[in-house]
C-alpha atoms as a PDB file:
ATOM      1  CA  MET A   1      -2.272  -6.145 145.578  1.00  0.00           C
ATOM      2  CA  VAL A   2      -3.776  -6.499 149.056  1.00  0.00           C
ATOM      3  CA  ARG A   3      -6.348  -3.812 148.224  1.00  0.00           C
ATOM      4  CA  TYR A   4      -7.243  -5.672 145.025  1.00  0.00           C
ATOM      5  CA  LYS A   5      -7.813  -8.924 146.972  1.00  0.00           C
ATOM      6  CA  ILE A   6     -10.065  -7.164 149.491  1.00  0.00           C
ATOM      7  CA  ILE A   7     -12.185  -5.619 146.723  1.00  0.00           C
ATOM      8  CA  LEU A   8     -12.405  -8.981 144.927  1.00  0.00           C
ATOM      9  CA  SER A   9     -13.489 -10.705 148.129  1.00  0.00           C
ATOM     10  CA  LEU A  10     -16.214  -8.124 148.697  1.00  0.00           C
ATOM     11  CA  PHE A  11     -17.559  -8.657 145.170  1.00  0.00           C
ATOM     12  CA  VAL A  12     -17.619 -12.437 145.719  1.00  0.00           C
ATOM     13  CA  LEU A  13     -19.536 -12.027 148.993  1.00  0.00           C
ATOM     14  CA  MET A  14     -22.040  -9.650 147.361  1.00  0.00           C
ATOM     15  CA  PHE A  15     -22.603 -12.152 144.562  1.00  0.00           C
ATOM     16  CA  ILE A  16     -23.145 -15.031 146.994  1.00  0.00           C
ATOM     17  CA  PHE A  17     -25.583 -13.180 149.221  1.00  0.00           C
ATOM     18  CA  SER A  18     -27.501 -11.519 146.403  1.00  0.00           C
ATOM     19  CA  GLY A  19     -27.845 -14.840 144.631  1.00  0.00           C
ATOM     20  CA  CYS A  20     -29.205 -16.571 147.736  1.00  0.00           C
ATOM     21  CA  GLY A  21     -31.277 -13.782 149.221  1.00  0.00           C
ATOM     22  CA  THR A  22     -33.438 -12.491 146.378  1.00  0.00           C
ATOM     23  CA  LYS A  23     -34.856 -15.697 144.953  1.00  0.00           C
ATOM     24  CA  ARG A  24     -38.614 -15.715 145.467  1.00  0.00           C
ATOM     25  CA  GLN A  25     -40.248 -18.921 146.684  1.00  0.00           C
ATOM     26  CA  TYR A  26     -43.792 -19.736 145.592  1.00  0.00           C
ATOM     27  CA  TYR A  27     -46.748 -21.367 147.265  1.00  0.00           C
ATOM     28  CA  THR A  28     -47.295 -24.908 145.982  1.00  0.00           C
ATOM     29  CA  PRO A  29     -50.366 -26.849 147.173  1.00  0.00           C
ATOM     30  CA  ASP A  30     -50.052 -30.502 148.135  1.00  0.00           C
ATOM     31  CA  SER A  31     -53.018 -31.313 145.890  1.00  0.00           C
ATOM     32  CA  LEU A  32     -55.654 -29.600 143.762  1.00  0.00           C
ATOM     33  CA  SER A  33     -59.404 -29.979 144.183  1.00  0.00           C
ATOM     34  CA  GLY A  34     -60.130 -28.531 140.756  1.00  0.00           C
ATOM     35  CA  HIS A  35     -59.653 -25.699 138.305  1.00  0.00           C
ATOM     36  CA  VAL A  36     -61.517 -22.388 138.005  1.00  0.00           C
ATOM     37  CA  SER A  37     -62.444 -20.907 134.646  1.00  0.00           C
ATOM     38  CA  TYR A  38     -63.691 -17.393 133.986  1.00  0.00           C
ATOM     39  CA  ASP A  39     -67.439 -16.906 133.545  1.00  0.00           C
ATOM     40  CA  GLY A  40     -67.235 -13.767 131.448  1.00  0.00           C
ATOM     41  CA  THR A  41     -65.405 -10.605 130.468  1.00  0.00           C
ATOM     42  CA  LEU A  42     -65.586  -6.981 131.548  1.00  0.00           C
ATOM     43  CA  PRO A  43     -65.824  -3.999 129.175  1.00  0.00           C
ATOM     44  CA  ALA A  44     -62.237  -3.011 130.112  1.00  0.00           C
ATOM     45  CA  ASP A  45     -59.382  -3.885 132.440  1.00  0.00           C
ATOM     46  CA  ILE A  46     -59.428  -2.875 136.105  1.00  0.00           C
ATOM     47  CA  MET A  47     -57.210   0.190 136.570  1.00  0.00           C
ATOM     48  CA  ASP A  48     -57.762   0.881 140.284  1.00  0.00           C
ATOM     49  CA  SER A  49     -59.446  -0.791 143.244  1.00  0.00           C
ATOM     50  CA  VAL A  50     -60.414  -0.038 146.832  1.00  0.00           C
ATOM     51  CA  ARG A  51     -62.073  -2.295 149.402  1.00  0.00           C
ATOM     52  CA  ASP A  52     -65.604  -1.338 148.285  1.00  0.00           C
ATOM     53  CA  GLY A  53     -65.161  -1.199 144.524  1.00  0.00           C
ATOM     54  CA  ALA A  54     -63.019  -0.911 141.435  1.00  0.00           C
ATOM     55  CA  THR A  55     -62.640   1.402 138.439  1.00  0.00           C
ATOM     56  CA  LEU A  56     -62.240   0.118 134.892  1.00  0.00           C
ATOM     57  CA  GLU A  57     -60.063   1.815 132.297  1.00  0.00           C
ATOM     58  CA  ASN A  58     -63.207   3.054 130.519  1.00  0.00           C
ATOM     59  CA  GLY A  59     -64.413   4.771 133.721  1.00  0.00           C
ATOM     60  CA  GLN A  60     -67.046   2.150 134.490  1.00  0.00           C
ATOM     61  CA  LEU A  61     -67.457   0.878 138.068  1.00  0.00           C
ATOM     62  CA  ILE A  62     -67.635  -2.409 139.883  1.00  0.00           C
ATOM     63  CA  THR A  63     -69.248  -2.204 143.325  1.00  0.00           C
ATOM     64  CA  ASN A  64     -70.268  -4.838 145.854  1.00  0.00           C
ATOM     65  CA  LYS A  65     -73.425  -5.240 143.764  1.00  0.00           C
ATOM     66  CA  GLY A  66     -71.415  -6.078 140.640  1.00  0.00           C
ATOM     67  CA  LEU A  67     -70.742  -4.226 137.392  1.00  0.00           C
ATOM     68  CA  SER A  68     -72.407  -0.802 137.274  1.00  0.00           C
ATOM     69  CA  ASN A  69     -73.436   1.253 134.269  1.00  0.00           C
ATOM     70  CA  VAL A  70     -72.158   4.415 135.947  1.00  0.00           C
ATOM     71  CA  ILE A  71     -69.167   5.942 134.155  1.00  0.00           C
ATOM     72  CA  LEU A  72     -66.899   8.334 136.023  1.00  0.00           C
ATOM     73  CA  PRO A  73     -65.414  11.474 134.464  1.00  0.00           C
ATOM     74  CA  GLU A  74     -62.072  10.885 132.755  1.00  0.00           C
ATOM     75  CA  GLY A  75     -59.149  10.819 135.183  1.00  0.00           C
ATOM     76  CA  PHE A  76     -61.315   9.916 138.198  1.00  0.00           C
ATOM     77  CA  VAL A  77     -61.357   6.734 140.278  1.00  0.00           C
ATOM     78  CA  TYR A  78     -64.001   5.299 142.578  1.00  0.00           C
ATOM     79  CA  LEU A  79     -63.886   5.764 146.368  1.00  0.00           C
ATOM     80  CA  GLY A  80     -67.344   4.768 147.605  1.00  0.00           C
ATOM     81  CA  GLU A  81     -71.108   4.800 147.154  1.00  0.00           C
ATOM     82  CA  ASN A  82     -74.184   5.769 149.154  1.00  0.00           C
ATOM     83  CA  GLU A  83     -77.805   5.485 148.025  1.00  0.00           C
ATOM     84  CA  GLY A  84     -76.968   5.622 144.330  1.00  0.00           C
ATOM     85  CA  ARG A  85     -74.418   8.415 144.709  1.00  0.00           C
ATOM     86  CA  TYR A  86     -70.833   7.602 143.763  1.00  0.00           C
ATOM     87  CA  ILE A  87     -67.730   9.304 145.198  1.00  0.00           C
ATOM     88  CA  ALA A  88     -64.821   9.738 142.806  1.00  0.00           C
ATOM     89  CA  THR A  89     -61.493  11.522 142.989  1.00  0.00           C
ATOM     90  CA  SER A  90     -58.627  12.524 140.713  1.00  0.00           C
ATOM     91  CA  LYS A  91     -54.891  12.593 141.412  1.00  0.00           C
ATOM     92  CA  CYS A  92     -55.088  16.383 141.593  1.00  0.00           C
ATOM     93  CA  GLY A  93     -57.393  16.461 144.628  1.00  0.00           C
ATOM     94  CA  GLU A  94     -60.689  16.902 142.812  1.00  0.00           C
ATOM     95  CA  VAL A  95     -63.741  15.201 144.306  1.00  0.00           C
ATOM     96  CA  ASN A  96     -66.924  14.529 142.366  1.00  0.00           C
ATOM     97  CA  ILE A  97     -70.133  12.891 143.505  1.00  0.00           C
ATOM     98  CA  VAL A  98     -72.167  11.564 140.591  1.00  0.00           C
ATOM     99  CA  ASP A  99     -75.576   9.905 140.490  1.00  0.00           C
ATOM    100  CA  ALA A 100     -76.708   6.905 138.477  1.00  0.00           C
ATOM    101  CA  SER A 101     -77.630   9.221 135.579  1.00  0.00           C
ATOM    102  CA  LYS A 102     -74.005  10.468 135.494  1.00  0.00           C
ATOM    103  CA  ASN A 103     -75.004  13.911 136.777  1.00  0.00           C
ATOM    104  CA  ILE A 104     -72.376  15.628 138.939  1.00  0.00           C
ATOM    105  CA  ILE A 105     -74.195  16.575 142.140  1.00  0.00           C
ATOM    106  CA  TYR A 106     -71.120  17.805 144.019  1.00  0.00           C
ATOM    107  CA  ALA A 107     -67.660  18.954 142.948  1.00  0.00           C
ATOM    108  CA  GLN A 108     -64.775  20.275 145.018  1.00  0.00           C
ATOM    109  CA  LYS A 109     -61.044  20.780 144.557  1.00  0.00           C
ATOM    110  CA  PHE A 110     -58.622  20.257 147.436  1.00  0.00           C
ATOM    111  CA  ASP A 111     -55.002  21.326 147.504  1.00  0.00           C
ATOM    112  CA  ILE A 112     -53.860  17.724 147.902  1.00  0.00           C
ATOM    113  CA  SER A 113     -55.062  14.282 146.889  1.00  0.00           C
ATOM    114  CA  VAL A 114     -57.930  12.550 148.676  1.00  0.00           C
ATOM    115  CA  ALA A 115     -56.942   9.294 150.373  1.00  0.00           C
ATOM    116  CA  SER A 116     -60.413   7.977 151.281  1.00  0.00           C
ATOM    117  CA  ALA A 117     -64.016   9.117 151.678  1.00  0.00           C
ATOM    118  CA  ARG A 118     -67.463   8.096 152.894  1.00  0.00           C
ATOM    119  CA  LEU A 119     -70.891   9.660 152.298  1.00  0.00           C
ATOM    120  CA  LYS A 120     -74.032   9.658 154.463  1.00  0.00           C
ATOM    121  CA  GLY A 121     -76.936  11.941 153.622  1.00  0.00           C
ATOM    122  CA  ASN A 122     -75.442  15.377 153.017  1.00  0.00           C
ATOM    123  CA  LEU A 123     -72.277  14.621 154.989  1.00  0.00           C
ATOM    124  CA  LEU A 124     -69.071  13.748 153.155  1.00  0.00           C
ATOM    125  CA  ALA A 125     -66.241  12.535 155.399  1.00  0.00           C
ATOM    126  CA  LEU A 126     -62.747  12.688 153.886  1.00  0.00           C
ATOM    127  CA  VAL A 127     -59.176  11.789 154.752  1.00  0.00           C
ATOM    128  CA  LEU A 128     -56.735  13.855 152.714  1.00  0.00           C
ATOM    129  CA  GLY A 129     -53.238  12.836 151.646  1.00  0.00           C
ATOM    130  CA  SER A 130     -51.873  15.478 154.027  1.00  0.00           C
ATOM    131  CA  ASN A 131     -53.420  13.482 156.909  1.00  0.00           C
ATOM    132  CA  GLU A 132     -56.193  15.997 157.443  1.00  0.00           C
ATOM    133  CA  ILE A 133     -59.689  14.830 158.345  1.00  0.00           C
ATOM    134  CA  VAL A 134     -62.475  16.843 156.750  1.00  0.00           C
ATOM    135  CA  LEU A 135     -66.272  16.871 157.013  1.00  0.00           C
ATOM    136  CA  VAL A 136     -68.291  18.648 154.323  1.00  0.00           C
ATOM    137  CA  ASP A 137     -71.993  19.422 153.982  1.00  0.00           C
ATOM    138  CA  ILE A 138     -72.392  18.825 150.247  1.00  0.00           C
ATOM    139  CA  LYS A 139     -75.852  20.438 150.117  1.00  0.00           C
ATOM    140  CA  ALA A 140     -74.737  23.659 151.790  1.00  0.00           C
ATOM    141  CA  GLN A 141     -71.324  23.448 150.053  1.00  0.00           C
ATOM    142  CA  LYS A 142     -69.808  24.105 153.463  1.00  0.00           C
ATOM    143  CA  GLU A 143     -66.780  22.686 155.269  1.00  0.00           C
ATOM    144  CA  LEU A 144     -67.934  21.739 158.765  1.00  0.00           C
ATOM    145  CA  LEU A 145     -64.625  20.648 160.271  1.00  0.00           C
ATOM    146  CA  LYS A 146     -61.003  20.174 159.324  1.00  0.00           C
ATOM    147  CA  PHE A 147     -58.297  18.793 161.618  1.00  0.00           C
ATOM    148  CA  LYS A 148     -54.656  18.249 160.727  1.00  0.00           C
ATOM    149  CA  GLN A 149     -53.041  15.094 162.102  1.00  0.00           C
ATOM    150  CA  ASP A 150     -49.339  14.276 162.387  1.00  0.00           C
ATOM    151  CA  ASP A 151     -47.249  14.216 159.225  1.00  0.00           C
ATOM    152  CA  VAL A 152     -46.586  10.848 157.620  1.00  0.00           C
ATOM    153  CA  PHE A 153     -43.817   9.851 155.242  1.00  0.00           C
ATOM    154  CA  VAL A 154     -44.891   6.703 153.377  1.00  0.00           C
ATOM    155  CA  LEU A 155     -48.345   5.140 153.032  1.00  0.00           C
ATOM    156  CA  ASP A 156     -49.649   1.638 152.584  1.00  0.00           C
ATOM    157  CA  SER A 157     -51.824   1.702 149.453  1.00  0.00           C
ATOM    158  CA  ARG A 158     -54.645   0.016 151.368  1.00  0.00           C
ATOM    159  CA  ILE A 159     -56.354   3.010 152.997  1.00  0.00           C
ATOM    160  CA  ALA A 160     -59.498   2.586 155.080  1.00  0.00           C
ATOM    161  CA  ALA A 161     -62.461   4.933 154.612  1.00  0.00           C
ATOM    162  CA  PRO A 162     -64.253   6.865 157.393  1.00  0.00           C
ATOM    163  CA  TYR A 163     -67.228   5.173 159.049  1.00  0.00           C
ATOM    164  CA  PHE A 164     -70.563   6.672 160.156  1.00  0.00           C
ATOM    165  CA  LEU A 165     -71.648   5.015 163.399  1.00  0.00           C
ATOM    166  CA  GLY A 166     -74.926   6.475 164.647  1.00  0.00           C
ATOM    167  CA  ASP A 167     -74.153  10.025 165.767  1.00  0.00           C
ATOM    168  CA  LEU A 168     -70.424   9.351 165.586  1.00  0.00           C
ATOM    169  CA  ILE A 169     -67.982   9.555 162.696  1.00  0.00           C
ATOM    170  CA  VAL A 170     -64.848   7.420 162.882  1.00  0.00           C
ATOM    171  CA  PHE A 171     -61.952   8.826 160.865  1.00  0.00           C
ATOM    172  CA  PRO A 172     -59.061   6.397 160.173  1.00  0.00           C
ATOM    173  CA  THR A 173     -55.958   8.563 159.965  1.00  0.00           C
ATOM    174  CA  LEU A 174     -52.796   8.053 157.965  1.00  0.00           C
ATOM    175  CA  ASP A 175     -50.661   7.993 161.122  1.00  0.00           C
ATOM    176  CA  GLY A 176     -52.449   4.990 162.616  1.00  0.00           C
ATOM    177  CA  LYS A 177     -55.185   6.550 164.762  1.00  0.00           C
ATOM    178  CA  LEU A 178     -58.968   6.411 164.918  1.00  0.00           C
ATOM    179  CA  VAL A 179     -60.363   9.899 165.526  1.00  0.00           C
ATOM    180  CA  ILE A 180     -63.975   9.706 166.728  1.00  0.00           C
ATOM    181  CA  VAL A 181     -66.031  12.849 166.077  1.00  0.00           C
ATOM    182  CA  ASP A 182     -69.457  13.695 167.484  1.00  0.00           C
ATOM    183  CA  GLU A 183     -71.637  14.538 164.482  1.00  0.00           C
ATOM    184  CA  ARG A 184     -73.835  16.886 166.535  1.00  0.00           C
ATOM    185  CA  THR A 185     -71.111  18.997 168.139  1.00  0.00           C
ATOM    186  CA  LEU A 186     -68.568  18.490 165.319  1.00  0.00           C
ATOM    187  CA  LYS A 187     -65.850  17.943 167.912  1.00  0.00           C
ATOM    188  CA  PRO A 188     -63.449  15.015 168.392  1.00  0.00           C
ATOM    189  CA  ILE A 189     -64.394  13.084 171.530  1.00  0.00           C
ATOM    190  CA  ARG A 190     -61.780  10.311 171.464  1.00  0.00           C
ATOM    191  CA  ASP A 191     -58.575   9.168 169.786  1.00  0.00           C
ATOM    192  CA  VAL A 192     -57.525   5.522 169.619  1.00  0.00           C
ATOM    193  CA  VAL A 193     -53.893   4.899 168.695  1.00  0.00           C
ATOM    194  CA  VAL A 194     -53.677   1.617 166.786  1.00  0.00           C
ATOM    195  CA  SER A 195     -50.069   2.097 165.649  1.00  0.00           C
ATOM    196  CA  ASN A 196     -47.655   5.042 165.757  1.00  0.00           C
ATOM    197  CA  ASN A 197     -45.412   4.037 162.864  1.00  0.00           C
ATOM    198  CA  LYS A 198     -44.939   6.960 160.458  1.00  0.00           C
ATOM    199  CA  PHE A 199     -43.831   4.611 157.673  1.00  0.00           C
ATOM    200  CA  PHE A 200     -46.706   2.549 156.225  1.00  0.00           C
ATOM    201  CA  GLY A 201     -48.595   3.094 159.493  1.00  0.00           C
ATOM    202  CA  ASN A 202     -52.003   4.144 158.164  1.00  0.00           C
ATOM    203  CA  ILE A 203     -55.247   2.373 159.040  1.00  0.00           C
ATOM    204  CA  ILE A 204     -55.825  -0.235 156.308  1.00  0.00           C
ATOM    205  CA  TYR A 205     -59.022  -1.816 157.655  1.00  0.00           C
ATOM    206  CA  LEU A 206     -62.049  -0.440 159.522  1.00  0.00           C
ATOM    207  CA  GLN A 207     -65.315  -2.259 160.108  1.00  0.00           C
ATOM    208  CA  VAL A 208     -68.154  -2.112 162.612  1.00  0.00           C
ATOM    209  CA  LEU A 209     -70.236  -5.130 163.588  1.00  0.00           C
ATOM    210  CA  GLY A 210     -72.938  -4.471 166.174  1.00  0.00           C
ATOM    211  CA  ASP A 211     -71.343  -2.538 169.013  1.00  0.00           C
ATOM    212  CA  ARG A 212     -67.836  -3.657 168.070  1.00  0.00           C
ATOM    213  CA  LEU A 213     -65.306  -1.718 166.013  1.00  0.00           C
ATOM    214  CA  VAL A 214     -62.387  -3.562 164.426  1.00  0.00           C
ATOM    215  CA  ALA A 215     -59.476  -1.734 162.800  1.00  0.00           C
ATOM    216  CA  ALA A 216     -55.991  -2.621 161.623  1.00  0.00           C
ATOM    217  CA  THR A 217     -52.721  -1.196 160.419  1.00  0.00           C
ATOM    218  CA  LYS A 218     -50.105  -3.315 158.690  1.00  0.00           C
ATOM    219  CA  SER A 219     -48.675  -4.290 162.079  1.00  0.00           C
ATOM    220  CA  LYS A 220     -51.574  -4.392 164.539  1.00  0.00           C
ATOM    221  CA  VAL A 221     -55.291  -5.199 164.891  1.00  0.00           C
ATOM    222  CA  VAL A 222     -57.569  -3.602 167.482  1.00  0.00           C
ATOM    223  CA  SER A 223     -61.032  -4.704 168.594  1.00  0.00           C
ATOM    224  CA  ILE A 224     -63.078  -2.175 170.576  1.00  0.00           C
ATOM    225  CA  ASN A 225     -66.416  -2.543 172.323  1.00  0.00           C
ATOM    226  CA  PRO A 226     -68.053  -0.254 174.930  1.00  0.00           C
ATOM    227  CA  LYS A 227     -66.386  -2.178 177.783  1.00  0.00           C
ATOM    228  CA  SER A 228     -62.949  -3.172 176.563  1.00  0.00           C
ATOM    229  CA  MET A 229     -60.201  -2.876 173.978  1.00  0.00           C
ATOM    230  CA  ALA A 230     -57.899  -5.650 172.722  1.00  0.00           C
ATOM    231  CA  PHE A 231     -54.854  -5.654 170.431  1.00  0.00           C
ATOM    232  CA  LEU A 232     -53.133  -8.291 168.293  1.00  0.00           C
ATOM    233  CA  ASP A 233     -49.650  -7.827 166.832  1.00  0.00           C
ATOM    234  CA  ALA A 234     -49.321  -9.318 163.339  1.00  0.00           C
ATOM    235  CA  ASP A 235     -47.869  -8.587 159.912  1.00  0.00           C
ATOM    236  CA  VAL A 236     -51.321  -7.873 158.493  1.00  0.00           C
ATOM    237  CA  ARG A 237     -52.315  -8.438 154.881  1.00  0.00           C
ATOM    238  CA  ASP A 238     -56.101  -8.426 155.383  1.00  0.00           C
ATOM    239  CA  VAL A 239     -58.832  -8.798 158.003  1.00  0.00           C
ATOM    240  CA  ILE A 240     -62.342 -10.267 157.905  1.00  0.00           C
ATOM    241  CA  VAL A 241     -64.924  -9.912 160.688  1.00  0.00           C
ATOM    242  CA  LEU A 242     -67.734 -12.500 160.763  1.00  0.00           C
ATOM    243  CA  GLU A 243     -70.112 -12.283 163.725  1.00  0.00           C
ATOM    244  CA  ASN A 244     -68.020 -13.337 166.761  1.00  0.00           C
ATOM    245  CA  ARG A 245     -64.941 -14.348 164.728  1.00  0.00           C
ATOM    246  CA  ILE A 246     -62.070 -12.323 163.354  1.00  0.00           C
ATOM    247  CA  PHE A 247     -59.781 -13.692 160.648  1.00  0.00           C
ATOM    248  CA  VAL A 248     -56.364 -12.069 160.266  1.00  0.00           C
ATOM    249  CA  PHE A 249     -54.373 -12.879 157.117  1.00  0.00           C
ATOM    250  CA  THR A 250     -50.651 -12.212 157.388  1.00  0.00           C
ATOM    251  CA  LYS A 251     -47.990 -11.421 154.816  1.00  0.00           C
ATOM    252  CA  ASP A 252     -46.160 -14.685 155.468  1.00  0.00           C
ATOM    253  CA  GLY A 253     -49.148 -16.860 154.512  1.00  0.00           C
ATOM    254  CA  LYS A 254     -50.693 -17.380 157.924  1.00  0.00           C
ATOM    255  CA  VAL A 255     -54.407 -17.281 158.785  1.00  0.00           C
ATOM    256  CA  ILE A 256     -55.125 -16.429 162.426  1.00  0.00           C
ATOM    257  CA  LEU A 257     -58.619 -17.137 163.752  1.00  0.00           C
ATOM    258  CA  THR A 258     -59.530 -15.185 166.898  1.00  0.00           C
ATOM    259  CA  ASP A 259     -62.615 -14.515 168.939  1.00  0.00           C
ATOM    260  CA  ALA A 260     -64.179 -11.049 169.008  1.00  0.00           C
ATOM    261  CA  ASP A 261     -61.644  -9.944 171.645  1.00  0.00           C
ATOM    262  CA  LEU A 262     -58.682 -11.083 169.498  1.00  0.00           C
ATOM    263  CA  LYS A 263     -57.916 -14.157 171.605  1.00  0.00           C
ATOM    264  CA  VAL A 264     -56.232 -16.567 169.186  1.00  0.00           C
ATOM    265  CA  LEU A 265     -58.288 -19.728 168.696  1.00  0.00           C
ATOM    266  CA  LYS A 266     -56.388 -21.335 165.829  1.00  0.00           C
ATOM    267  CA  GLU A 267     -53.707 -20.669 163.235  1.00  0.00           C
ATOM    268  CA  ARG A 268     -53.100 -22.193 159.830  1.00  0.00           C
ATOM    269  CA  LYS A 269     -49.924 -21.603 157.802  1.00  0.00           C
ATOM    270  CA  PHE A 270     -49.711 -21.812 154.001  1.00  0.00           C
ATOM    271  CA  THR A 271     -45.992 -21.785 153.285  1.00  0.00           C
ATOM    272  CA  PHE A 272     -44.873 -19.038 150.872  1.00  0.00           C
ATOM    273  CA  ALA A 273     -48.502 -18.004 150.203  1.00  0.00           C
ATOM    274  CA  THR A 274     -49.119 -14.351 149.332  1.00  0.00           C
ATOM    275  CA  PHE A 275     -52.758 -13.352 149.788  1.00  0.00           C
ATOM    276  CA  SER A 276     -54.038 -10.888 147.185  1.00  0.00           C
ATOM    277  CA  GLY A 277     -57.645 -10.844 148.348  1.00  0.00           C
ATOM    278  CA  THR A 278     -60.310 -12.744 150.252  1.00  0.00           C
ATOM    279  CA  ILE A 279     -63.960 -13.666 149.840  1.00  0.00           C
ATOM    280  CA  SER A 280     -66.063 -14.627 152.844  1.00  0.00           C
ATOM    281  CA  GLY A 281     -69.417 -16.242 153.505  1.00  0.00           C
ATOM    282  CA  ASP A 282     -70.111 -19.795 154.584  1.00  0.00           C
ATOM    283  CA  PHE A 283     -66.479 -20.447 153.669  1.00  0.00           C
ATOM    284  CA  ILE A 284     -63.334 -18.333 153.431  1.00  0.00           C
ATOM    285  CA  TYR A 285     -61.741 -18.098 149.982  1.00  0.00           C
ATOM    286  CA  MET A 286     -58.185 -16.776 149.904  1.00  0.00           C
ATOM    287  CA  ILE A 287     -56.920 -15.531 146.540  1.00  0.00           C
ATOM    288  CA  GLU A 288     -53.245 -16.508 146.360  1.00  0.00           C
ATOM    289  CA  LYS A 289     -50.915 -14.475 144.142  1.00  0.00           C
ATOM    290  CA  SER A 290     -49.389 -17.469 142.348  1.00  0.00           C
ATOM    291  CA  GLY A 291     -52.814 -18.263 140.907  1.00  0.00           C
ATOM    292  CA  TYR A 292     -54.787 -20.309 143.426  1.00  0.00           C
ATOM    293  CA  ILE A 293     -57.960 -20.094 145.493  1.00  0.00           C
ATOM    294  CA  ILE A 294     -57.513 -21.631 148.951  1.00  0.00           C
ATOM    295  CA  ALA A 295     -60.932 -22.478 150.410  1.00  0.00           C
ATOM    296  CA  THR A 296     -61.445 -23.262 154.091  1.00  0.00           C
ATOM    297  CA  ASP A 297     -64.351 -23.644 156.481  1.00  0.00           C
ATOM    298  CA  LEU A 298     -64.825 -21.109 159.275  1.00  0.00           C
ATOM    299  CA  ASP A 299     -62.971 -23.341 161.751  1.00  0.00           C
ATOM    300  CA  LEU A 300     -59.873 -23.627 159.512  1.00  0.00           C
ATOM    301  CA  VAL A 301     -60.236 -27.414 159.412  1.00  0.00           C
ATOM    302  CA  SER A 302     -60.967 -28.465 155.823  1.00  0.00           C
ATOM    303  CA  ILE A 303     -58.818 -27.110 152.989  1.00  0.00           C
ATOM    304  CA  ASN A 304     -59.501 -27.241 149.245  1.00  0.00           C
ATOM    305  CA  VAL A 305     -57.274 -25.570 146.655  1.00  0.00           C
ATOM    306  CA  TYR A 306     -58.398 -24.564 143.143  1.00  0.00           C
ATOM    307  CA  LYS A 307     -56.197 -23.381 140.279  1.00  0.00           C
ATOM    308  CA  LEU A 308     -56.949 -20.001 138.727  1.00  0.00           C
ATOM    309  CA  PRO A 309     -56.390 -19.318 135.007  1.00  0.00           C
ATOM    310  CA  ASP A 310     -53.776 -16.632 135.827  1.00  0.00           C
ATOM    311  CA  GLU A 311     -51.320 -15.491 138.424  1.00  0.00           C
ATOM    312  CA  ILE A 312     -52.415 -12.296 140.192  1.00  0.00           C
ATOM    313  CA  GLU A 313     -50.172  -9.487 138.965  1.00  0.00           C
ATOM    314  CA  THR A 314     -52.405  -6.391 139.035  1.00  0.00           C
ATOM    315  CA  HIS A 315     -55.512  -5.055 140.789  1.00  0.00           C
ATOM    316  CA  ILE A 316     -58.256  -7.477 141.793  1.00  0.00           C
ATOM    317  CA  PHE A 317     -61.653  -6.852 143.365  1.00  0.00           C
ATOM    318  CA  THR A 318     -63.827  -9.350 145.223  1.00  0.00           C
ATOM    319  CA  THR A 319     -67.474  -9.310 146.262  1.00  0.00           C
ATOM    320  CA  GLY A 320     -69.374 -11.834 148.355  1.00  0.00           C
ATOM    321  CA  ASP A 321     -69.394 -14.395 145.566  1.00  0.00           C
ATOM    322  CA  ALA A 322     -67.197 -13.135 142.731  1.00  0.00           C
ATOM    323  CA  LEU A 323     -63.632 -12.337 141.751  1.00  0.00           C
ATOM    324  CA  TYR A 324     -62.814  -9.615 139.203  1.00  0.00           C
ATOM    325  CA  TYR A 325     -59.346  -9.571 137.669  1.00  0.00           C
ATOM    326  CA  LYS A 326     -58.041  -7.651 134.641  1.00  0.00           C
ATOM    327  CA  ASN A 327     -61.045  -7.830 132.275  1.00  0.00           C
ATOM    328  CA  HIS A 328     -62.389 -11.172 133.534  1.00  0.00           C
ATOM    329  CA  PHE A 329     -64.666 -12.386 136.322  1.00  0.00           C
ATOM    330  CA  PHE A 330     -66.041 -15.594 137.741  1.00  0.00           C
ATOM    331  CA  LYS A 331     -68.673 -16.540 140.307  1.00  0.00           C
ATOM    332  CA  LEU A 332     -67.785 -18.909 143.110  1.00  0.00           C
ATOM    333  CA  SER A 333     -70.856 -21.012 142.397  1.00  0.00           C
ATOM    334  CA  LYS A 334     -69.377 -21.804 138.965  1.00  0.00           C
ATOM    335  CA  LYS A 335     -66.078 -23.255 140.173  1.00  0.00           C
ATOM    336  CA  GLN A 336     -65.370 -26.793 139.013  1.00  0.00           C
END
């Protein structure tokens, strides 16, 4: 009888805590400045997206320039573009580079999937799913370097691509480091540890502005210039770098404005907001998962909220003035 009462009590406690702890709370704006309607449709739904582009279900691409006529081979998704050459990969580790005429100008098969890639001239920089960094001369069909990094267990789906910086190549690894390689000697010259978390610890953001490099994992942002290095701890959803300002968007609906050295200048909290994407320019536009656009000036002073036609449930892609979602798009200049 006593055993029965203990078991019953445990079930009651589980019911109480599960009922109170799993209910999701949604962002609700105090007021709306207007509604947004779609400006047009895409040939197919978005099936995959990265920071620089998206792949439609029919193989067609969206890049920062908008909808492209390039169609990838079946089973491939977009990773990046350089001078009219498009990098694509399959789940099986195949890499293709195709031109605007859909000709395959490079093809290679790796033993494991490709996490991210960047192309400059004949050099293809890759980060593999095994946390190996690879540099390939696509003209000579030759592997120039390959370094294995520490093993990782679980990845954040937002994976930054390598960056060509003059004679340097910056590889963002899956274990939270920046490996800087000299392009001339093909040797690593410096490692920067952003985060050492083996669970979801990969670099999710990497950008260079002038002589400053900004990178982030899900838990930390780093800003590096030739004279100094600064860190900011945050639960990072996204990062935007605009001249001498850095905007950090957190998973709990906070926007942190810092200077170039990550000194916090201002914070703004949007209770229960979940940011699915951002658009930047003269204003910052935050795409909120419940179906809103939160617009703010660069000083985080004025706030205007617009209602989207849909909640954000799948992949989205944003350019400097447009949002692409499912098989729809709209331009910011057309909001009303």
